Amino acid sequence: MVAGFKQFSVWEGLQENIQEGIVHGLKKHYQDLYNNDPATWGESFQEAVDSQMNKQGLKTFMMGAMTGVVTGPLITRTSKAIGYFGDREGYRSQKEETKKTVEAFNSFMQNHGKVLSEHIR
């Protein structure tokens, strides 16, 4: 299984619900203002919440969560590729620094780490 595809993206689903709720709430608020009805943010907020507490809200949540499952690995891999190709010297430098840190830790553990006998490889 490809890494990342097995993770259900709750945050992505919630983000979709929040976006849809904001659309409904703002639409109600400004329609009330336009129609000279007394517009309150409390009523608009309640409209936003209510708009997502139904079957359509569940569909919106699931669509966002499943989109996160599919796009998550793609975004992760793309950002790593951009980092590699966009700044090769920085990537190599970071890789070299990590290698030096691991070597220093292993050297310390071989010479002084009698309490802990594990090594990073």
PDB file of N, CA and C in Angstrom:
ATOM      1  N   MET A   1       0.851  -1.181   0.000  1.00  0.00           N
ATOM      2  CA  MET A   1       0.000   0.000   0.000  1.00  0.00           C
ATOM      3  C   MET A   1       0.894   1.241   0.000  1.00  0.00           C
ATOM      4  N   VAL A   2       0.533   2.218  -0.768  1.00  0.00           N
ATOM      5  CA  VAL A   2       1.306   3.446  -0.861  1.00  0.00           C
ATOM      6  C   VAL A   2       1.145   4.244   0.429  1.00  0.00           C
ATOM      7  N   ALA A   3       2.253   4.745   0.934  1.00  0.00           N
ATOM      8  CA  ALA A   3       2.225   5.496   2.202  1.00  0.00           C
ATOM      9  C   ALA A   3       1.275   6.678   2.109  1.00  0.00           C
ATOM     10  N   GLY A   4       0.463   6.845   3.124  1.00  0.00           N
ATOM     11  CA  GLY A   4      -0.442   7.983   3.177  1.00  0.00           C
ATOM     12  C   GLY A   4      -1.854   7.682   2.732  1.00  0.00           C
ATOM     13  N   PHE A   5      -2.038   6.711   1.856  1.00  0.00           N
ATOM     14  CA  PHE A   5      -3.374   6.411   1.351  1.00  0.00           C
ATOM     15  C   PHE A   5      -4.255   5.767   2.410  1.00  0.00           C
ATOM     16  N   LYS A   6      -3.656   5.201   3.431  1.00  0.00           N
ATOM     17  CA  LYS A   6      -4.444   4.529   4.462  1.00  0.00           C
ATOM     18  C   LYS A   6      -4.930   5.482   5.550  1.00  0.00           C
ATOM     19  N   GLN A   7      -4.574   6.744   5.466  1.00  0.00           N
ATOM     20  CA  GLN A   7      -4.947   7.710   6.501  1.00  0.00           C
ATOM     21  C   GLN A   7      -6.209   8.454   6.092  1.00  0.00           C
ATOM     22  N   PHE A   8      -7.236   8.330   6.901  1.00  0.00           N
ATOM     23  CA  PHE A   8      -8.488   9.040   6.681  1.00  0.00           C
ATOM     24  C   PHE A   8      -8.289  10.472   7.158  1.00  0.00           C
ATOM     25  N   SER A   9      -8.564  11.439   6.326  1.00  0.00           N
ATOM     26  CA  SER A   9      -8.240  12.831   6.626  1.00  0.00           C
ATOM     27  C   SER A   9      -9.431  13.564   7.255  1.00  0.00           C
ATOM     28  N   VAL A  10      -9.556  13.455   8.583  1.00  0.00           N
ATOM     29  CA  VAL A  10     -10.644  14.109   9.314  1.00  0.00           C
ATOM     30  C   VAL A  10     -10.546  15.623   9.168  1.00  0.00           C
ATOM     31  N   TRP A  11      -9.342  16.165   9.276  1.00  0.00           N
ATOM     32  CA  TRP A  11      -9.178  17.619   9.210  1.00  0.00           C
ATOM     33  C   TRP A  11      -9.604  18.168   7.858  1.00  0.00           C
ATOM     34  N   GLU A  12      -9.323  17.430   6.813  1.00  0.00           N
ATOM     35  CA  GLU A  12      -9.716  17.871   5.472  1.00  0.00           C
ATOM     36  C   GLU A  12     -11.239  17.897   5.355  1.00  0.00           C
ATOM     37  N   GLY A  13     -11.901  16.901   5.947  1.00  0.00           N
ATOM     38  CA  GLY A  13     -13.356  16.865   5.949  1.00  0.00           C
ATOM     39  C   GLY A  13     -13.954  18.012   6.739  1.00  0.00           C
ATOM     40  N   LEU A  14     -13.387  18.278   7.923  1.00  0.00           N
ATOM     41  CA  LEU A  14     -13.874  19.392   8.734  1.00  0.00           C
ATOM     42  C   LEU A  14     -13.664  20.731   8.030  1.00  0.00           C
ATOM     43  N   GLN A  15     -12.547  20.854   7.350  1.00  0.00           N
ATOM     44  CA  GLN A  15     -12.275  22.093   6.622  1.00  0.00           C
ATOM     45  C   GLN A  15     -13.354  22.326   5.566  1.00  0.00           C
ATOM     46  N   GLU A  16     -13.748  21.271   4.865  1.00  0.00           N
ATOM     47  CA  GLU A  16     -14.798  21.407   3.863  1.00  0.00           C
ATOM     48  C   GLU A  16     -16.115  21.839   4.507  1.00  0.00           C
ATOM     49  N   ASN A  17     -16.448  21.239   5.662  1.00  0.00           N
ATOM     50  CA  ASN A  17     -17.672  21.629   6.361  1.00  0.00           C
ATOM     51  C   ASN A  17     -17.618  23.089   6.795  1.00  0.00           C
ATOM     52  N   ILE A  18     -16.484  23.527   7.299  1.00  0.00           N
ATOM     53  CA  ILE A  18     -16.341  24.916   7.742  1.00  0.00           C
ATOM     54  C   ILE A  18     -16.496  25.866   6.563  1.00  0.00           C
ATOM     55  N   GLN A  19     -15.873  25.524   5.435  1.00  0.00           N
ATOM     56  CA  GLN A  19     -15.994  26.376   4.247  1.00  0.00           C
ATOM     57  C   GLN A  19     -17.448  26.475   3.794  1.00  0.00           C
ATOM     58  N   GLU A  20     -18.128  25.354   3.708  1.00  0.00           N
ATOM     59  CA  GLU A  20     -19.530  25.357   3.288  1.00  0.00           C
ATOM     60  C   GLU A  20     -20.395  26.115   4.281  1.00  0.00           C
ATOM     61  N   GLY A  21     -20.132  25.928   5.576  1.00  0.00           N
ATOM     62  CA  GLY A  21     -20.894  26.628   6.598  1.00  0.00           C
ATOM     63  C   GLY A  21     -20.719  28.132   6.502  1.00  0.00           C
ATOM     64  N   ILE A  22     -19.494  28.574   6.275  1.00  0.00           N
ATOM     65  CA  ILE A  22     -19.222  30.006   6.135  1.00  0.00           C
ATOM     66  C   ILE A  22     -19.991  30.578   4.948  1.00  0.00           C
ATOM     67  N   VAL A  23     -20.010  29.848   3.855  1.00  0.00           N
ATOM     68  CA  VAL A  23     -20.748  30.308   2.680  1.00  0.00           C
ATOM     69  C   VAL A  23     -22.224  30.505   3.027  1.00  0.00           C
ATOM     70  N   HIS A  24     -22.831  29.519   3.673  1.00  0.00           N
ATOM     71  CA  HIS A  24     -24.253  29.623   4.022  1.00  0.00           C
ATOM     72  C   HIS A  24     -24.503  30.755   5.020  1.00  0.00           C
ATOM     73  N   GLY A  25     -23.650  30.859   6.030  1.00  0.00           N
ATOM     74  CA  GLY A  25     -23.835  31.890   7.040  1.00  0.00           C
ATOM     75  C   GLY A  25     -23.701  33.297   6.485  1.00  0.00           C
ATOM     76  N   LEU A  26     -22.666  33.523   5.690  1.00  0.00           N
ATOM     77  CA  LEU A  26     -22.475  34.850   5.097  1.00  0.00           C
ATOM     78  C   LEU A  26     -23.579  35.188   4.103  1.00  0.00           C
ATOM     79  N   LYS A  27     -24.016  34.180   3.350  1.00  0.00           N
ATOM     80  CA  LYS A  27     -25.104  34.397   2.395  1.00  0.00           C
ATOM     81  C   LYS A  27     -26.362  34.868   3.134  1.00  0.00           C
ATOM     82  N   LYS A  28     -26.699  34.192   4.251  1.00  0.00           N
ATOM     83  CA  LYS A  28     -27.875  34.594   5.027  1.00  0.00           C
ATOM     84  C   LYS A  28     -27.694  35.992   5.596  1.00  0.00           C
ATOM     85  N   HIS A  29     -26.533  36.267   6.149  1.00  0.00           N
ATOM     86  CA  HIS A  29     -26.283  37.563   6.763  1.00  0.00           C
ATOM     87  C   HIS A  29     -26.472  38.701   5.754  1.00  0.00           C
ATOM     88  N   TYR A  30     -25.868  38.578   4.597  1.00  0.00           N
ATOM     89  CA  TYR A  30     -25.934  39.660   3.623  1.00  0.00           C
ATOM     90  C   TYR A  30     -27.279  39.712   2.900  1.00  0.00           C
ATOM     91  N   GLN A  31     -27.965  38.586   2.780  1.00  0.00           N
ATOM     92  CA  GLN A  31     -29.323  38.628   2.245  1.00  0.00           C
ATOM     93  C   GLN A  31     -30.237  39.379   3.210  1.00  0.00           C
ATOM     94  N   ASP A  32     -30.061  39.124   4.505  1.00  0.00           N
ATOM     95  CA  ASP A  32     -30.862  39.844   5.498  1.00  0.00           C
ATOM     96  C   ASP A  32     -30.582  41.341   5.434  1.00  0.00           C
ATOM     97  N   LEU A  33     -29.335  41.728   5.316  1.00  0.00           N
ATOM     98  CA  LEU A  33     -28.995  43.148   5.200  1.00  0.00           C
ATOM     99  C   LEU A  33     -29.617  43.755   3.943  1.00  0.00           C
ATOM    100  N   TYR A  34     -29.522  43.036   2.838  1.00  0.00           N
ATOM    101  CA  TYR A  34     -30.059  43.532   1.566  1.00  0.00           C
ATOM    102  C   TYR A  34     -31.570  43.708   1.638  1.00  0.00           C
ATOM    103  N   ASN A  35     -32.253  42.793   2.320  1.00  0.00           N
ATOM    104  CA  ASN A  35     -33.716  42.832   2.433  1.00  0.00           C
ATOM    105  C   ASN A  35     -34.194  43.694   3.604  1.00  0.00           C
ATOM    106  N   ASN A  36     -33.291  44.436   4.209  1.00  0.00           N
ATOM    107  CA  ASN A  36     -33.600  45.297   5.355  1.00  0.00           C
ATOM    108  C   ASN A  36     -34.185  44.541   6.536  1.00  0.00           C
ATOM    109  N   ASP A  37     -33.860  43.262   6.637  1.00  0.00           N
ATOM    110  CA  ASP A  37     -34.216  42.490   7.825  1.00  0.00           C
ATOM    111  C   ASP A  37     -33.119  42.709   8.856  1.00  0.00           C
ATOM    112  N   PRO A  38     -33.484  42.651  10.129  1.00  0.00           N
ATOM    113  CA  PRO A  38     -32.427  42.797  11.140  1.00  0.00           C
ATOM    114  C   PRO A  38     -31.469  41.597  11.078  1.00  0.00           C
ATOM    115  N   ALA A  39     -30.249  41.846  10.635  1.00  0.00           N
ATOM    116  CA  ALA A  39     -29.257  40.781  10.483  1.00  0.00           C
ATOM    117  C   ALA A  39     -28.426  40.673  11.745  1.00  0.00           C
ATOM    118  N   THR A  40     -28.341  39.468  12.292  1.00  0.00           N
ATOM    119  CA  THR A  40     -27.481  39.252  13.456  1.00  0.00           C
ATOM    120  C   THR A  40     -26.484  38.166  13.122  1.00  0.00           C
ATOM    121  N   TRP A  41     -25.304  38.329  13.671  1.00  0.00           N
ATOM    122  CA  TRP A  41     -24.272  37.323  13.436  1.00  0.00           C
ATOM    123  C   TRP A  41     -24.641  36.004  14.096  1.00  0.00           C
ATOM    124  N   GLY A  42     -25.365  36.064  15.207  1.00  0.00           N
ATOM    125  CA  GLY A  42     -25.791  34.842  15.882  1.00  0.00           C
ATOM    126  C   GLY A  42     -26.686  33.985  15.005  1.00  0.00           C
ATOM    127  N   GLU A  43     -27.665  34.614  14.361  1.00  0.00           N
ATOM    128  CA  GLU A  43     -28.548  33.878  13.455  1.00  0.00           C
ATOM    129  C   GLU A  43     -27.780  33.352  12.248  1.00  0.00           C
ATOM    130  N   SER A  44     -26.890  34.171  11.750  1.00  0.00           N
ATOM    131  CA  SER A  44     -26.088  33.745  10.592  1.00  0.00           C
ATOM    132  C   SER A  44     -25.186  32.571  10.958  1.00  0.00           C
ATOM    133  N   PHE A  45     -24.609  32.621  12.159  1.00  0.00           N
ATOM    134  CA  PHE A  45     -23.766  31.522  12.620  1.00  0.00           C
ATOM    135  C   PHE A  45     -24.600  30.247  12.768  1.00  0.00           C
ATOM    136  N   GLN A  46     -25.796  30.392  13.327  1.00  0.00           N
ATOM    137  CA  GLN A  46     -26.669  29.234  13.483  1.00  0.00           C
ATOM    138  C   GLN A  46     -27.044  28.646  12.124  1.00  0.00           C
ATOM    139  N   GLU A  47     -27.278  29.502  11.141  1.00  0.00           N
ATOM    140  CA  GLU A  47     -27.564  29.051   9.778  1.00  0.00           C
ATOM    141  C   GLU A  47     -26.373  28.266   9.222  1.00  0.00           C
ATOM    142  N   ALA A  48     -25.186  28.763   9.500  1.00  0.00           N
ATOM    143  CA  ALA A  48     -23.963  28.084   9.035  1.00  0.00           C
ATOM    144  C   ALA A  48     -23.851  26.691   9.645  1.00  0.00           C
ATOM    145  N   VAL A  49     -24.071  26.594  10.945  1.00  0.00           N
ATOM    146  CA  VAL A  49     -23.974  25.299  11.627  1.00  0.00           C
ATOM    147  C   VAL A  49     -25.065  24.358  11.137  1.00  0.00           C
ATOM    148  N   ASP A  50     -26.305  24.855  11.079  1.00  0.00           N
ATOM    149  CA  ASP A  50     -27.432  24.022  10.653  1.00  0.00           C
ATOM    150  C   ASP A  50     -27.262  23.501   9.226  1.00  0.00           C
ATOM    151  N   SER A  51     -26.617  24.301   8.389  1.00  0.00           N
ATOM    152  CA  SER A  51     -26.448  23.891   6.988  1.00  0.00           C
ATOM    153  C   SER A  51     -25.558  22.660   6.853  1.00  0.00           C
ATOM    154  N   GLN A  52     -24.762  22.369   7.894  1.00  0.00           N
ATOM    155  CA  GLN A  52     -23.851  21.226   7.821  1.00  0.00           C
ATOM    156  C   GLN A  52     -24.291  20.058   8.695  1.00  0.00           C
ATOM    157  N   MET A  53     -25.374  20.206   9.425  1.00  0.00           N
ATOM    158  CA  MET A  53     -25.863  19.151  10.310  1.00  0.00           C
ATOM    159  C   MET A  53     -26.988  18.369   9.651  1.00  0.00           C
ATOM    160  N   ASN A  54     -26.707  17.858   8.464  1.00  0.00           N
ATOM    161  CA  ASN A  54     -27.693  17.073   7.729  1.00  0.00           C
ATOM    162  C   ASN A  54     -26.963  16.126   6.774  1.00  0.00           C
ATOM    163  N   LYS A  55     -27.721  15.474   5.937  1.00  0.00           N
ATOM    164  CA  LYS A  55     -27.146  14.503   5.005  1.00  0.00           C
ATOM    165  C   LYS A  55     -26.145  15.171   4.047  1.00  0.00           C
ATOM    166  N   GLN A  56     -26.485  16.377   3.584  1.00  0.00           N
ATOM    167  CA  GLN A  56     -25.578  17.092   2.688  1.00  0.00           C
ATOM    168  C   GLN A  56     -24.272  17.438   3.393  1.00  0.00           C
ATOM    169  N   GLY A  57     -24.349  17.813   4.668  1.00  0.00           N
ATOM    170  CA  GLY A  57     -23.136  18.103   5.432  1.00  0.00           C
ATOM    171  C   GLY A  57     -22.249  16.877   5.577  1.00  0.00           C
ATOM    172  N   LEU A  58     -22.891  15.705   5.786  1.00  0.00           N
ATOM    173  CA  LEU A  58     -22.120  14.459   5.863  1.00  0.00           C
ATOM    174  C   LEU A  58     -21.447  14.157   4.532  1.00  0.00           C
ATOM    175  N   LYS A  59     -22.165  14.386   3.443  1.00  0.00           N
ATOM    176  CA  LYS A  59     -21.568  14.177   2.115  1.00  0.00           C
ATOM    177  C   LYS A  59     -20.375  15.106   1.901  1.00  0.00           C
ATOM    178  N   THR A  60     -20.544  16.362   2.323  1.00  0.00           N
ATOM    179  CA  THR A  60     -19.458  17.335   2.190  1.00  0.00           C
ATOM    180  C   THR A  60     -18.241  16.895   2.997  1.00  0.00           C
ATOM    181  N   PHE A  61     -18.491  16.433   4.233  1.00  0.00           N
ATOM    182  CA  PHE A  61     -17.402  15.962   5.087  1.00  0.00           C
ATOM    183  C   PHE A  61     -16.681  14.778   4.438  1.00  0.00           C
ATOM    184  N   MET A  62     -17.443  13.796   3.979  1.00  0.00           N
ATOM    185  CA  MET A  62     -16.844  12.599   3.381  1.00  0.00           C
ATOM    186  C   MET A  62     -16.068  12.944   2.107  1.00  0.00           C
ATOM    187  N   MET A  63     -16.602  13.851   1.313  1.00  0.00           N
ATOM    188  CA  MET A  63     -15.911  14.250   0.094  1.00  0.00           C
ATOM    189  C   MET A  63     -14.561  14.893   0.439  1.00  0.00           C
ATOM    190  N   GLY A  64     -14.554  15.773   1.449  1.00  0.00           N
ATOM    191  CA  GLY A  64     -13.301  16.410   1.858  1.00  0.00           C
ATOM    192  C   GLY A  64     -12.318  15.424   2.442  1.00  0.00           C
ATOM    193  N   ALA A  65     -12.820  14.508   3.285  1.00  0.00           N
ATOM    194  CA  ALA A  65     -11.942  13.519   3.916  1.00  0.00           C
ATOM    195  C   ALA A  65     -11.324  12.594   2.880  1.00  0.00           C
ATOM    196  N   MET A  66     -12.130  12.148   1.923  1.00  0.00           N
ATOM    197  CA  MET A  66     -11.603  11.243   0.901  1.00  0.00           C
ATOM    198  C   MET A  66     -10.659  11.977  -0.064  1.00  0.00           C
ATOM    199  N   THR A  67     -10.932  13.236  -0.315  1.00  0.00           N
ATOM    200  CA  THR A  67     -10.015  14.026  -1.139  1.00  0.00           C
ATOM    201  C   THR A  67      -8.667  14.138  -0.442  1.00  0.00           C
ATOM    202  N   GLY A  68      -8.694  14.331   0.885  1.00  0.00           N
ATOM    203  CA  GLY A  68      -7.452  14.388   1.650  1.00  0.00           C
ATOM    204  C   GLY A  68      -6.681  13.086   1.593  1.00  0.00           C
ATOM    205  N   VAL A  69      -7.409  11.951   1.580  1.00  0.00           N
ATOM    206  CA  VAL A  69      -6.759  10.641   1.490  1.00  0.00           C
ATOM    207  C   VAL A  69      -6.025  10.511   0.164  1.00  0.00           C
ATOM    208  N   VAL A  70      -6.661  10.968  -0.903  1.00  0.00           N
ATOM    209  CA  VAL A  70      -6.081  10.821  -2.242  1.00  0.00           C
ATOM    210  C   VAL A  70      -4.966  11.836  -2.489  1.00  0.00           C
ATOM    211  N   THR A  71      -5.189  13.082  -2.061  1.00  0.00           N
ATOM    212  CA  THR A  71      -4.203  14.120  -2.383  1.00  0.00           C
ATOM    213  C   THR A  71      -3.061  14.222  -1.385  1.00  0.00           C
ATOM    214  N   GLY A  72      -3.242  13.713  -0.170  1.00  0.00           N
ATOM    215  CA  GLY A  72      -2.204  13.815   0.854  1.00  0.00           C
ATOM    216  C   GLY A  72      -0.845  13.301   0.401  1.00  0.00           C
ATOM    217  N   PRO A  73      -0.767  12.042  -0.063  1.00  0.00           N
ATOM    218  CA  PRO A  73       0.531  11.525  -0.511  1.00  0.00           C
ATOM    219  C   PRO A  73       1.099  12.292  -1.702  1.00  0.00           C
ATOM    220  N   LEU A  74       0.224  12.707  -2.596  1.00  0.00           N
ATOM    221  CA  LEU A  74       0.676  13.458  -3.763  1.00  0.00           C
ATOM    222  C   LEU A  74       1.304  14.787  -3.351  1.00  0.00           C
ATOM    223  N   ILE A  75       0.658  15.478  -2.431  1.00  0.00           N
ATOM    224  CA  ILE A  75       1.178  16.768  -1.960  1.00  0.00           C
ATOM    225  C   ILE A  75       2.509  16.576  -1.228  1.00  0.00           C
ATOM    226  N   THR A  76       2.584  15.529  -0.400  1.00  0.00           N
ATOM    227  CA  THR A  76       3.819  15.258   0.326  1.00  0.00           C
ATOM    228  C   THR A  76       4.963  14.982  -0.630  1.00  0.00           C
ATOM    229  N   ARG A  77       4.732  14.126  -1.596  1.00  0.00           N
ATOM    230  CA  ARG A  77       5.792  13.774  -2.554  1.00  0.00           C
ATOM    231  C   ARG A  77       6.179  14.973  -3.411  1.00  0.00           C
ATOM    232  N   THR A  78       5.185  15.752  -3.818  1.00  0.00           N
ATOM    233  CA  THR A  78       5.468  16.915  -4.655  1.00  0.00           C
ATOM    234  C   THR A  78       6.300  17.939  -3.898  1.00  0.00           C
ATOM    235  N   SER A  79       5.951  18.189  -2.640  1.00  0.00           N
ATOM    236  CA  SER A  79       6.717  19.179  -1.873  1.00  0.00           C
ATOM    237  C   SER A  79       8.151  18.707  -1.655  1.00  0.00           C
ATOM    238  N   LYS A  80       8.343  17.403  -1.461  1.00  0.00           N
ATOM    239  CA  LYS A  80       9.715  16.892  -1.322  1.00  0.00           C
ATOM    240  C   LYS A  80      10.483  17.046  -2.633  1.00  0.00           C
ATOM    241  N   ALA A  81       9.811  16.764  -3.745  1.00  0.00           N
ATOM    242  CA  ALA A  81      10.465  16.891  -5.052  1.00  0.00           C
ATOM    243  C   ALA A  81      10.823  18.340  -5.338  1.00  0.00           C
ATOM    244  N   ILE A  82       9.918  19.248  -5.013  1.00  0.00           N
ATOM    245  CA  ILE A  82      10.199  20.668  -5.225  1.00  0.00           C
ATOM    246  C   ILE A  82      11.383  21.102  -4.367  1.00  0.00           C
ATOM    247  N   GLY A  83      11.412  20.632  -3.123  1.00  0.00           N
ATOM    248  CA  GLY A  83      12.537  20.945  -2.248  1.00  0.00           C
ATOM    249  C   GLY A  83      13.842  20.408  -2.798  1.00  0.00           C
ATOM    250  N   TYR A  84      13.802  19.201  -3.365  1.00  0.00           N
ATOM    251  CA  TYR A  84      15.011  18.597  -3.907  1.00  0.00           C
ATOM    252  C   TYR A  84      15.468  19.318  -5.172  1.00  0.00           C
ATOM    253  N   PHE A  85      14.551  19.506  -6.112  1.00  0.00           N
ATOM    254  CA  PHE A  85      14.935  20.099  -7.384  1.00  0.00           C
ATOM    255  C   PHE A  85      15.097  21.611  -7.292  1.00  0.00           C
ATOM    256  N   GLY A  86      14.354  22.240  -6.384  1.00  0.00           N
ATOM    257  CA  GLY A  86      14.423  23.692  -6.265  1.00  0.00           C
ATOM    258  C   GLY A  86      15.676  24.166  -5.554  1.00  0.00           C
ATOM    259  N   ASP A  87      16.174  23.379  -4.614  1.00  0.00           N
ATOM    260  CA  ASP A  87      17.333  23.798  -3.825  1.00  0.00           C
ATOM    261  C   ASP A  87      18.230  22.584  -3.604  1.00  0.00           C
ATOM    262  N   ARG A  88      18.855  22.141  -4.663  1.00  0.00           N
ATOM    263  CA  ARG A  88      19.684  20.933  -4.565  1.00  0.00           C
ATOM    264  C   ARG A  88      20.823  21.094  -3.577  1.00  0.00           C
ATOM    265  N   GLU A  89      21.440  22.264  -3.568  1.00  0.00           N
ATOM    266  CA  GLU A  89      22.575  22.468  -2.666  1.00  0.00           C
ATOM    267  C   GLU A  89      22.114  22.422  -1.220  1.00  0.00           C
ATOM    268  N   GLY A  90      20.987  23.056  -0.937  1.00  0.00           N
ATOM    269  CA  GLY A  90      20.439  23.017   0.416  1.00  0.00           C
ATOM    270  C   GLY A  90      20.039  21.607   0.814  1.00  0.00           C
ATOM    271  N   TYR A  91      19.466  20.858  -0.127  1.00  0.00           N
ATOM    272  CA  TYR A  91      19.076  19.473   0.130  1.00  0.00           C
ATOM    273  C   TYR A  91      20.306  18.625   0.442  1.00  0.00           C
ATOM    274  N   ARG A  92      21.347  18.784  -0.372  1.00  0.00           N
ATOM    275  CA  ARG A  92      22.589  18.020  -0.150  1.00  0.00           C
ATOM    276  C   ARG A  92      23.237  18.412   1.179  1.00  0.00           C
ATOM    277  N   SER A  93      23.226  19.700   1.470  1.00  0.00           N
ATOM    278  CA  SER A  93      23.797  20.181   2.720  1.00  0.00           C
ATOM    279  C   SER A  93      23.055  19.601   3.919  1.00  0.00           C
ATOM    280  N   GLN A  94      21.745  19.593   3.856  1.00  0.00           N
ATOM    281  CA  GLN A  94      20.944  19.038   4.945  1.00  0.00           C
ATOM    282  C   GLN A  94      21.201  17.544   5.093  1.00  0.00           C
ATOM    283  N   LYS A  95      21.302  16.853   3.974  1.00  0.00           N
ATOM    284  CA  LYS A  95      21.571  15.417   3.991  1.00  0.00           C
ATOM    285  C   LYS A  95      22.945  15.136   4.601  1.00  0.00           C
ATOM    286  N   GLU A  96      23.927  15.949   4.252  1.00  0.00           N
ATOM    287  CA  GLU A  96      25.289  15.785   4.771  1.00  0.00           C
ATOM    288  C   GLU A  96      25.336  16.080   6.270  1.00  0.00           C
ATOM    289  N   GLU A  97      24.629  17.120   6.707  1.00  0.00           N
ATOM    290  CA  GLU A  97      24.580  17.451   8.137  1.00  0.00           C
ATOM    291  C   GLU A  97      23.926  16.322   8.937  1.00  0.00           C
ATOM    292  N   THR A  98      22.877  15.739   8.393  1.00  0.00           N
ATOM    293  CA  THR A  98      22.220  14.615   9.063  1.00  0.00           C
ATOM    294  C   THR A  98      23.181  13.435   9.174  1.00  0.00           C
ATOM    295  N   LYS A  99      23.909  13.170   8.113  1.00  0.00           N
ATOM    296  CA  LYS A  99      24.876  12.069   8.116  1.00  0.00           C
ATOM    297  C   LYS A  99      25.960  12.312   9.173  1.00  0.00           C
ATOM    298  N   LYS A 100      26.466  13.539   9.275  1.00  0.00           N
ATOM    299  CA  LYS A 100      27.487  13.866  10.269  1.00  0.00           C
ATOM    300  C   LYS A 100      26.945  13.700  11.691  1.00  0.00           C
ATOM    301  N   THR A 101      25.707  14.105  11.907  1.00  0.00           N
ATOM    302  CA  THR A 101      25.098  13.973  13.233  1.00  0.00           C
ATOM    303  C   THR A 101      24.965  12.516  13.635  1.00  0.00           C
ATOM    304  N   VAL A 102      24.527  11.681  12.709  1.00  0.00           N
ATOM    305  CA  VAL A 102      24.390  10.248  12.984  1.00  0.00           C
ATOM    306  C   VAL A 102      25.752   9.622  13.262  1.00  0.00           C
ATOM    307  N   GLU A 103      26.754   9.992  12.474  1.00  0.00           N
ATOM    308  CA  GLU A 103      28.099   9.462  12.689  1.00  0.00           C
ATOM    309  C   GLU A 103      28.649   9.890  14.050  1.00  0.00           C
ATOM    310  N   ALA A 104      28.433  11.136  14.431  1.00  0.00           N
ATOM    311  CA  ALA A 104      28.906  11.623  15.729  1.00  0.00           C
ATOM    312  C   ALA A 104      28.206  10.882  16.872  1.00  0.00           C
ATOM    313  N   PHE A 105      26.922  10.659  16.735  1.00  0.00           N
ATOM    314  CA  PHE A 105      26.182   9.930  17.764  1.00  0.00           C
ATOM    315  C   PHE A 105      26.680   8.494  17.874  1.00  0.00           C
ATOM    316  N   ASN A 106      26.863   7.824  16.734  1.00  0.00           N
ATOM    317  CA  ASN A 106      27.358   6.443  16.751  1.00  0.00           C
ATOM    318  C   ASN A 106      28.763   6.367  17.353  1.00  0.00           C
ATOM    319  N   SER A 107      29.604   7.340  17.025  1.00  0.00           N
ATOM    320  CA  SER A 107      30.951   7.367  17.583  1.00  0.00           C
ATOM    321  C   SER A 107      30.902   7.535  19.098  1.00  0.00           C
ATOM    322  N   PHE A 108      30.061   8.435  19.579  1.00  0.00           N
ATOM    323  CA  PHE A 108      29.903   8.635  21.013  1.00  0.00           C
ATOM    324  C   PHE A 108      29.427   7.341  21.680  1.00  0.00           C
ATOM    325  N   MET A 109      28.450   6.699  21.070  1.00  0.00           N
ATOM    326  CA  MET A 109      27.890   5.484  21.664  1.00  0.00           C
ATOM    327  C   MET A 109      28.932   4.359  21.706  1.00  0.00           C
ATOM    328  N   GLN A 110      29.789   4.276  20.681  1.00  0.00           N
ATOM    329  CA  GLN A 110      30.815   3.230  20.664  1.00  0.00           C
ATOM    330  C   GLN A 110      31.870   3.494  21.728  1.00  0.00           C
ATOM    331  N   ASN A 111      32.228   4.738  21.939  1.00  0.00           N
ATOM    332  CA  ASN A 111      33.302   5.068  22.861  1.00  0.00           C
ATOM    333  C   ASN A 111      32.843   5.321  24.289  1.00  0.00           C
ATOM    334  N   HIS A 112      31.678   5.907  24.480  1.00  0.00           N
ATOM    335  CA  HIS A 112      31.259   6.325  25.803  1.00  0.00           C
ATOM    336  C   HIS A 112      29.894   5.809  26.228  1.00  0.00           C
ATOM    337  N   GLY A 113      29.199   5.189  25.347  1.00  0.00           N
ATOM    338  CA  GLY A 113      27.819   4.832  25.630  1.00  0.00           C
ATOM    339  C   GLY A 113      27.633   3.433  26.176  1.00  0.00           C
ATOM    340  N   LYS A 114      28.345   3.094  27.226  1.00  0.00           N
ATOM    341  CA  LYS A 114      28.232   1.752  27.809  1.00  0.00           C
ATOM    342  C   LYS A 114      26.854   1.524  28.429  1.00  0.00           C
ATOM    343  N   VAL A 115      26.197   2.604  28.831  1.00  0.00           N
ATOM    344  CA  VAL A 115      24.879   2.472  29.421  1.00  0.00           C
ATOM    345  C   VAL A 115      23.860   2.092  28.350  1.00  0.00           C
ATOM    346  N   LEU A 116      23.977   2.740  27.230  1.00  0.00           N
ATOM    347  CA  LEU A 116      23.083   2.446  26.102  1.00  0.00           C
ATOM    348  C   LEU A 116      23.911   1.835  24.987  1.00  0.00           C
ATOM    349  N   SER A 117      23.527   0.689  24.515  1.00  0.00           N
ATOM    350  CA  SER A 117      24.364   0.028  23.501  1.00  0.00           C
ATOM    351  C   SER A 117      23.689   0.019  22.130  1.00  0.00           C
ATOM    352  N   GLU A 118      22.757   0.921  21.899  1.00  0.00           N
ATOM    353  CA  GLU A 118      22.087   0.967  20.612  1.00  0.00           C
ATOM    354  C   GLU A 118      22.829   1.906  19.666  1.00  0.00           C
ATOM    355  N   HIS A 119      22.704   1.635  18.372  1.00  0.00           N
ATOM    356  CA  HIS A 119      23.327   2.463  17.352  1.00  0.00           C
ATOM    357  C   HIS A 119      22.289   2.837  16.317  1.00  0.00           C
ATOM    358  N   ILE A 120      22.398   4.030  15.789  1.00  0.00           N
ATOM    359  CA  ILE A 120      21.556   4.440  14.669  1.00  0.00           C
ATOM    360  C   ILE A 120      22.259   4.026  13.408  1.00  0.00           C
ATOM    361  N   ARG A 121      21.548   3.430  12.539  1.00  0.00           N
ATOM    362  CA  ARG A 121      22.144   3.000  11.254  1.00  0.00           C
ATOM    363  C   ARG A 121      21.408   3.631  10.114  1.00  0.00           C
TER     364      ARG A 121
END
